[in-house]
Amino acid sequence: MDSTAFFSRLLLEVQSGSLTVDEGVQRLRAFPTLELGHSALDVHRALRTGIPEVIYGAGKTPEQILEIFTRLAEVHNVLATRVTPEAADLVLTSHPDAEHDPLARTVTWSSHPVTMRPGEIIIITAGTSDLPVAREAMITCNMLGSPARIISDVGVAGIHRLLQRLDDLKSAVALIVVAGMEGALASVVGGLVPQPIIAVPTSVGYGANLGGLSALLGMLTSCASGVTVVNIDNGFGAACAAVKIHQTLDGRAMDTPGNRS
């Protein structure tokens, strides 16, 4: 069933009283996907999970990204991650009001105002080289209604820099800790603050870092309590976890951040 026919029938049933508003919402949670041939867009993921469909750009052609971006923009705000410069240029040609962050490799578009939750997610980087992953996390948080900011270059090689920011860290709803090399920063932060911590190992480091594997294993074997670890360079995944924590604390775990006005 196409989206127009589905919505028309659903609204008529609610209008006639044969379907309650709550029953209508439940139907929407299982709404069919938009089929594009190369992709099947889950346009009502936000109703089920609180987080709308996001475009993962790696491996997709610029033309595929543009088509997906355009169709999602008909439904909700759009976030595309891991976007090449060529794909970003193509999207911006068709959507000049979209925003491209070359460092984060994201393209975003917002036509629906997002109500920002009270409180703040703080993203910490061990070094400046971790900023691409941190910015991906920050942009994701902000697109999903959770204010976020970055405190950069506070790694364990100069731990006094971290200790000077403890008051900031303790004010956060949740913390995302982004670190490469041996990934020790997550354990240190986990021993200093009470907030939930999502650790992101990055592929930053010399050869023995093994493309982020050393940092990943170091974070997974952390002796600090309350440290959860996502995959290497996965700033987006860390942001989604932090946002869900924020949603739950805010009492709106099943809201639709991309569609709120």
Protein backbone atom coordinates (compact mmCIF):
# COMPACT_ATOMS: atom_id res chain seq x y z
CA MET A 1 0.00 0.00 0.00
CA ASP A 2 1.36 3.45 -0.84
CA SER A 3 1.66 6.02 1.94
CA THR A 4 -1.21 8.23 0.67
CA ALA A 5 -3.73 5.37 0.61
CA PHE A 6 -2.60 4.17 4.01
CA PHE A 7 -2.90 7.56 5.67
CA SER A 8 -6.21 8.34 3.97
CA ARG A 9 -7.85 5.15 5.19
CA LEU A 10 -6.36 5.49 8.66
CA LEU A 11 -7.55 9.09 9.07
CA LEU A 12 -11.04 8.23 7.80
CA GLU A 13 -11.31 5.40 10.32
CA VAL A 14 -10.24 7.68 13.16
CA GLN A 15 -12.64 10.39 11.97
CA SER A 16 -15.57 7.96 11.79
CA GLY A 17 -14.85 6.58 15.26
CA SER A 18 -14.23 3.04 14.06
CA LEU A 19 -10.66 3.46 15.21
CA THR A 20 -9.54 5.24 18.36
CA VAL A 21 -6.66 7.70 18.34
CA ASP A 22 -4.53 5.27 20.36
CA GLU A 23 -5.32 2.46 17.94
CA GLY A 24 -4.33 4.76 15.08
CA VAL A 25 -0.98 5.47 16.72
CA GLN A 26 -0.39 1.73 17.11
CA ARG A 27 -1.10 1.24 13.40
CA LEU A 28 1.42 3.96 12.57
CA ARG A 29 4.10 2.15 14.55
CA ALA A 30 3.94 -0.67 11.99
CA PHE A 31 3.58 1.54 8.91
CA PRO A 32 5.09 0.00 5.74
CA THR A 33 8.38 1.16 4.32
CA LEU A 34 8.91 3.42 1.33
CA GLU A 35 10.37 1.22 -1.40
CA LEU A 36 13.00 2.83 -3.65
CA GLY A 37 14.31 -0.31 -5.31
CA HIS A 38 17.82 0.01 -3.91
CA SER A 39 16.52 0.90 -0.43
CA ALA A 40 13.48 0.37 1.78
CA LEU A 41 13.01 3.41 4.02
CA ASP A 42 11.65 2.86 7.50
CA VAL A 43 9.86 6.19 7.69
CA HIS A 44 8.13 5.50 11.00
CA ARG A 45 11.08 4.16 12.94
CA ALA A 46 10.85 7.17 15.26
CA LEU A 47 7.36 6.14 16.37
CA ARG A 48 8.67 2.75 17.46
CA THR A 49 12.10 3.60 18.78
CA GLY A 50 12.26 7.36 19.37
CA ILE A 51 14.97 7.75 16.73
CA PRO A 52 14.12 8.24 13.05
CA GLU A 53 15.76 6.57 10.06
CA VAL A 54 19.26 7.91 9.41
CA ILE A 55 21.23 7.55 6.16
CA TYR A 56 24.51 5.65 6.44
CA GLY A 57 26.36 7.03 3.44
CA ALA A 58 29.32 4.65 3.23
CA GLY A 59 29.03 2.33 0.26
CA LYS A 60 26.13 4.22 -1.32
CA THR A 61 26.45 6.18 -4.53
CA PRO A 62 25.88 9.94 -4.45
CA GLU A 63 22.72 9.42 -6.51
CA GLN A 64 21.35 6.87 -4.04
CA ILE A 65 22.08 9.17 -1.11
CA LEU A 66 20.32 12.05 -2.84
CA GLU A 67 17.22 9.99 -3.57
CA ILE A 68 17.02 8.65 -0.01
CA PHE A 69 17.68 12.13 1.40
CA THR A 70 14.92 13.65 -0.73
CA ARG A 71 12.33 11.04 0.21
CA LEU A 72 13.12 11.16 3.93
CA ALA A 73 12.86 14.96 3.82
CA GLU A 74 9.18 14.51 2.90
CA VAL A 75 8.62 12.84 6.28
CA HIS A 76 11.05 14.21 8.87
CA ASN A 77 14.36 15.95 9.47
CA VAL A 78 17.27 14.18 7.81
CA LEU A 79 20.70 13.13 9.02
CA ALA A 80 23.19 11.44 6.71
CA THR A 81 26.49 10.14 8.09
CA ARG A 82 29.76 9.07 6.44
CA VAL A 83 28.99 11.16 3.38
CA THR A 84 31.70 11.70 0.76
CA PRO A 85 32.38 15.24 -0.51
CA GLU A 86 30.94 14.24 -3.89
CA ALA A 87 27.69 13.03 -2.35
CA ALA A 88 27.48 16.10 -0.12
CA ASP A 89 27.87 18.40 -3.13
CA LEU A 90 25.09 16.59 -4.98
CA VAL A 91 22.72 16.79 -2.00
CA LEU A 92 23.47 20.48 -1.45
CA THR A 93 22.79 21.21 -5.11
CA SER A 94 19.24 19.87 -4.70
CA HIS A 95 18.82 20.98 -1.09
CA PRO A 96 20.76 24.25 -0.71
CA ASP A 97 19.40 24.75 2.81
CA ALA A 98 20.99 21.51 3.99
CA GLU A 99 24.19 21.71 6.08
CA HIS A 100 27.40 19.83 5.40
CA ASP A 101 30.00 19.26 8.11
CA PRO A 102 33.14 18.07 6.30
CA LEU A 103 34.93 17.08 9.52
CA ALA A 104 32.05 14.94 10.79
CA ARG A 105 31.20 13.82 7.24
CA THR A 106 27.52 14.54 7.86
CA VAL A 107 24.79 16.28 5.92
CA THR A 108 21.70 17.46 7.82
CA TRP A 109 18.42 19.08 6.87
CA SER A 110 15.79 20.40 9.27
CA SER A 111 12.37 21.76 8.41
CA HIS A 112 10.66 20.61 11.61
CA PRO A 113 11.80 22.48 14.74
CA VAL A 114 13.29 20.14 17.33
CA THR A 115 12.36 20.68 20.97
CA MET A 116 15.59 20.37 22.92
CA ARG A 117 15.42 18.46 26.18
CA PRO A 118 16.68 20.02 29.39
CA GLY A 119 20.15 18.93 30.31
CA GLU A 120 23.23 18.28 28.22
CA ILE A 121 25.28 15.42 26.82
CA ILE A 122 29.00 16.11 26.99
CA ILE A 123 31.38 14.52 24.52
CA ILE A 124 35.02 14.24 25.56
CA THR A 125 37.92 13.57 23.24
CA ALA A 126 41.34 12.33 24.24
CA GLY A 127 42.94 14.29 21.42
CA THR A 128 42.22 16.64 18.56
CA SER A 129 42.55 13.72 16.13
CA ASP A 130 39.40 12.21 17.65
CA LEU A 131 37.28 15.22 16.65
CA PRO A 132 35.71 13.73 13.48
CA VAL A 133 34.06 10.99 15.53
CA ALA A 134 33.14 13.41 18.30
CA ARG A 135 31.50 15.83 15.88
CA GLU A 136 29.48 13.01 14.33
CA ALA A 137 28.23 12.22 17.84
CA MET A 138 27.48 15.86 18.65
CA ILE A 139 25.54 16.50 15.44
CA THR A 140 23.54 13.31 15.96
CA CYS A 141 22.63 14.30 19.52
CA ASN A 142 21.56 17.78 18.47
CA MET A 143 19.46 16.45 15.58
CA LEU A 144 17.68 14.12 17.99
CA GLY A 145 16.79 16.78 20.55
CA SER A 146 19.61 16.33 23.06
CA PRO A 147 21.89 19.36 23.46
CA ALA A 148 25.51 18.29 23.20
CA ARG A 149 28.92 19.92 23.23
CA ILE A 150 32.50 18.77 22.93
CA ILE A 151 35.37 19.11 25.39
CA SER A 152 38.40 18.29 23.29
CA ASP A 153 41.98 17.20 23.92
CA VAL A 154 41.77 16.14 27.57
CA GLY A 155 43.50 12.77 27.27
CA VAL A 156 45.51 10.94 29.89
CA ALA A 157 48.85 12.20 28.56
CA GLY A 158 48.00 15.50 30.26
CA ILE A 159 45.43 14.40 32.78
CA HIS A 160 45.41 17.76 34.56
CA ARG A 161 43.41 19.08 31.59
CA LEU A 162 40.66 16.60 32.37
CA LEU A 163 40.66 17.34 36.10
CA GLN A 164 40.19 21.03 35.36
CA ARG A 165 36.89 20.19 33.60
CA LEU A 166 35.37 17.93 36.27
CA ASP A 167 32.61 20.39 37.17
CA ASP A 168 31.51 20.42 33.53
CA LEU A 169 31.54 16.63 33.34
CA LYS A 170 29.50 16.22 36.51
CA SER A 171 26.79 18.51 35.14
CA ALA A 172 26.08 16.26 32.14
CA VAL A 173 23.13 13.90 31.69
CA ALA A 174 25.47 11.37 30.07
CA LEU A 175 29.03 11.33 28.78
CA ILE A 176 30.47 10.11 25.50
CA VAL A 177 34.21 9.47 25.75
CA VAL A 178 36.07 9.30 22.44
CA ALA A 179 39.65 8.04 22.47
CA GLY A 180 42.16 6.24 20.31
CA MET A 181 45.66 4.97 21.13
CA GLU A 182 45.09 2.65 24.15
CA GLY A 183 41.64 4.08 24.99
CA ALA A 184 42.47 4.72 28.64
CA LEU A 185 40.42 7.91 28.95
CA ALA A 186 37.13 6.04 29.34
CA SER A 187 38.38 4.17 32.41
CA VAL A 188 39.72 7.34 34.00
CA VAL A 189 36.44 9.21 33.49
CA GLY A 190 34.51 6.16 34.74
CA GLY A 191 36.39 6.41 38.03
CA LEU A 192 35.59 10.10 38.50
CA VAL A 193 31.92 10.72 37.69
CA PRO A 194 28.54 9.07 38.37
CA GLN A 195 26.95 9.53 34.92
CA PRO A 196 26.43 6.80 32.33
CA ILE A 197 29.46 6.66 30.03
CA ILE A 198 29.44 5.53 26.41
CA ALA A 199 32.98 4.89 25.24
CA VAL A 200 33.96 5.19 21.58
CA PRO A 201 37.30 3.70 20.52
CA THR A 202 38.77 5.41 17.49
CA SER A 203 41.16 4.22 14.82
CA VAL A 204 43.60 7.00 15.80
CA GLY A 205 47.02 5.69 16.80
CA TYR A 206 50.30 4.20 15.67
CA GLY A 207 50.64 0.67 14.28
CA ALA A 208 50.07 -1.23 17.50
CA ASN A 209 46.74 0.54 17.83
CA LEU A 210 45.66 -1.90 15.07
CA GLY A 211 43.12 0.45 13.55
CA GLY A 212 41.34 0.99 16.85
CA LEU A 213 41.36 -2.62 18.08
CA SER A 214 43.69 -1.81 20.99
CA ALA A 215 41.43 1.01 22.14
CA LEU A 216 38.35 -1.19 21.74
CA LEU A 217 39.81 -4.02 23.81
CA GLY A 218 41.09 -1.58 26.44
CA MET A 219 37.64 -0.05 26.84
CA LEU A 220 35.92 -3.45 26.90
CA THR A 221 38.23 -4.60 29.69
CA SER A 222 37.84 -1.41 31.73
CA CYS A 223 37.62 -1.95 35.46
CA ALA A 224 35.52 1.20 35.86
CA SER A 225 31.83 0.52 36.50
CA GLY A 226 29.15 1.87 34.18
CA VAL A 227 31.23 2.14 31.01
CA THR A 228 29.46 0.89 27.89
CA VAL A 229 31.43 0.52 24.65
CA VAL A 230 30.34 0.91 21.02
CA ASN A 231 32.25 -0.10 17.91
CA ILE A 232 35.35 1.59 16.52
CA ASP A 233 34.71 5.15 15.25
CA ASN A 234 30.96 4.78 15.89
CA GLY A 235 30.12 8.28 17.07
CA PHE A 236 26.61 7.90 15.69
CA GLY A 237 25.91 4.76 17.73
CA ALA A 238 27.26 6.34 20.90
CA ALA A 239 25.06 9.39 20.35
CA CYS A 240 21.95 7.24 19.89
CA ALA A 241 22.66 5.43 23.15
CA ALA A 242 23.16 8.71 25.01
CA VAL A 243 20.00 10.18 23.48
CA LYS A 244 17.94 7.18 24.58
CA ILE A 245 19.25 7.64 28.11
CA HIS A 246 18.28 11.31 27.87
CA GLN A 247 14.85 10.48 26.45
CA THR A 248 14.16 8.09 29.31
CA LEU A 249 15.25 10.58 31.94
CA ASP A 250 13.08 13.21 30.26
CA GLY A 251 10.08 10.87 30.21
CA ARG A 252 9.72 10.96 26.44
CA ALA A 253 11.29 7.70 25.33
CA MET A 254 8.71 7.15 22.59
CA ASP A 255 8.55 10.70 21.24
CA THR A 256 9.43 11.42 17.62
CA PRO A 257 12.26 13.96 17.80
CA GLY A 258 12.46 14.39 14.05
CA ASN A 259 8.82 15.38 13.79
CA ARG A 260 8.11 17.43 16.91
CA SER A 261 7.06 21.02 16.46
